[in-house]
Every structure is written in C-alpha cells, then in structure tokens.
Protein backbone atom coordinates (compact mmCIF):
# COMPACT_ATOMS: atom_id res chain seq x y z
CA UNK A 1 -48.46 -178.38 2.19
CA UNK A 2 -52.11 -177.70 2.98
CA UNK A 3 -54.63 -178.48 0.27
CA UNK A 4 -57.82 -176.44 -0.06
CA UNK A 5 -61.23 -177.33 -1.44
CA UNK A 6 -62.51 -174.96 -4.10
CA UNK A 7 -65.76 -175.63 -5.92
CA UNK A 8 -65.68 -175.37 -9.70
CA UNK A 9 -68.35 -174.77 -12.30
CA UNK A 10 -67.44 -176.39 -15.62
CA UNK A 11 -69.34 -175.66 -18.78
CA UNK A 12 -68.87 -176.82 -22.34
CA UNK A 13 -68.36 -173.96 -24.77
CA UNK A 14 -69.79 -173.89 -28.29
CA UNK A 15 -66.30 -174.36 -29.75
CA UNK A 16 -66.03 -177.70 -27.91
CA UNK A 17 -63.68 -176.42 -25.20
CA UNK A 18 -64.47 -176.43 -21.48
CA UNK A 19 -64.49 -173.44 -19.13
CA UNK A 20 -64.02 -173.64 -15.35
CA UNK A 21 -64.90 -170.81 -12.97
CA UNK A 22 -65.50 -170.61 -9.23
CA UNK A 23 -67.96 -168.58 -7.19
CA UNK A 24 -65.69 -169.15 -4.17
CA UNK A 25 -62.43 -167.86 -5.65
CA UNK A 26 -62.75 -164.72 -7.76
CA UNK A 27 -60.35 -164.63 -10.67
CA UNK A 28 -60.34 -168.38 -11.20
CA UNK A 29 -60.90 -168.91 -14.91
CA UNK A 30 -59.48 -171.91 -16.75
CA UNK A 31 -60.09 -173.30 -20.22
CA UNK A 32 -59.09 -176.67 -21.65
CA UNK A 33 -59.81 -179.16 -24.41
CA UNK A 34 -61.11 -181.81 -22.02
CA UNK A 35 -62.71 -181.70 -18.59
CA UNK A 36 -59.59 -183.30 -17.13
CA UNK A 37 -57.30 -180.70 -18.73
CA UNK A 38 -59.59 -177.93 -17.55
CA UNK A 39 -59.58 -179.19 -13.95
CA UNK A 40 -55.78 -179.51 -13.99
CA UNK A 41 -55.40 -175.95 -15.27
CA UNK A 42 -57.96 -174.72 -12.72
CA UNK A 43 -55.94 -176.36 -9.92
CA UNK A 44 -52.84 -174.45 -11.00
CA UNK A 45 -54.76 -171.18 -11.21
CA UNK A 46 -56.35 -171.78 -7.79
CA UNK A 47 -52.96 -172.58 -6.26
CA UNK A 48 -51.50 -169.34 -7.62
CA UNK A 49 -54.47 -167.27 -6.46
CA UNK A 50 -54.36 -168.75 -2.95
CA UNK A 51 -50.59 -168.19 -2.73
CA UNK A 52 -51.16 -164.57 -3.74
CA UNK A 53 -53.86 -164.16 -1.07
CA UNK A 54 -51.45 -165.42 1.59
CA UNK A 55 -48.55 -163.30 0.29
CA UNK A 56 -50.70 -160.18 0.64
CA UNK A 57 -51.83 -161.19 4.13
CA UNK A 58 -55.48 -161.34 3.11
CA UNK A 59 -57.95 -163.89 4.53
CA UNK A 60 -59.21 -166.72 2.38
CA UNK A 61 -62.71 -166.24 0.96
CA UNK A 62 -65.48 -167.86 3.04
CA UNK A 63 -66.19 -170.70 0.58
CA UNK A 64 -62.65 -172.08 0.70
CA UNK A 65 -61.74 -174.61 3.37
CA UNK A 66 -58.68 -176.74 4.05
CA UNK A 67 -59.08 -180.33 2.91
CA UNK A 68 -59.48 -182.65 5.89
CA UNK A 69 -57.30 -185.34 4.29
CA UNK A 70 -55.17 -185.65 1.15
CA UNK A 71 -57.01 -186.71 -1.96
CA UNK A 72 -56.23 -187.58 -5.57
CA UNK A 73 -57.74 -185.87 -8.58
CA UNK A 74 -61.28 -187.03 -9.04
CA UNK A 75 -61.30 -186.56 -12.79
C-alpha cells in the first residue's frame, strides 16, 4: 500500500476541540478532542478521499505526493 503525504492545518476551537483541514486535499475536515485524535481522524478521512479519487479515475491534487519511505505517526 502506498502512503501519501498530506499537509494538515490544525487549530484549537473555542470549545476546546481541535479542527484539522488541508489546503492540498479539498474535503478533508476532521475534529477531535486532542491533537492526536484529530490527526488520526484526519488520516482516515484523507485515506477515504484519496481512495475515492482513484476510484473515479481522477488525478491526485498537486500538493499530494507519495511518501518516499514508510513512517509512523508523528503525534
């Protein structure tokens, strides 16, 4: 399985939750109680969005690149 790098923007909401979005992958929106939870949810959302892109035969957005080597979660 190929892994892809997708940049995330994470911001803390007034309610204390965290919100992740990406300029590279439209439609990626994830919310969690902690930064770690938010990143994990964002990974699932990104995976589903990328699978959908491939299923429809569309090209990946320019900002998304295959990871050059496997990596573990950084958070």
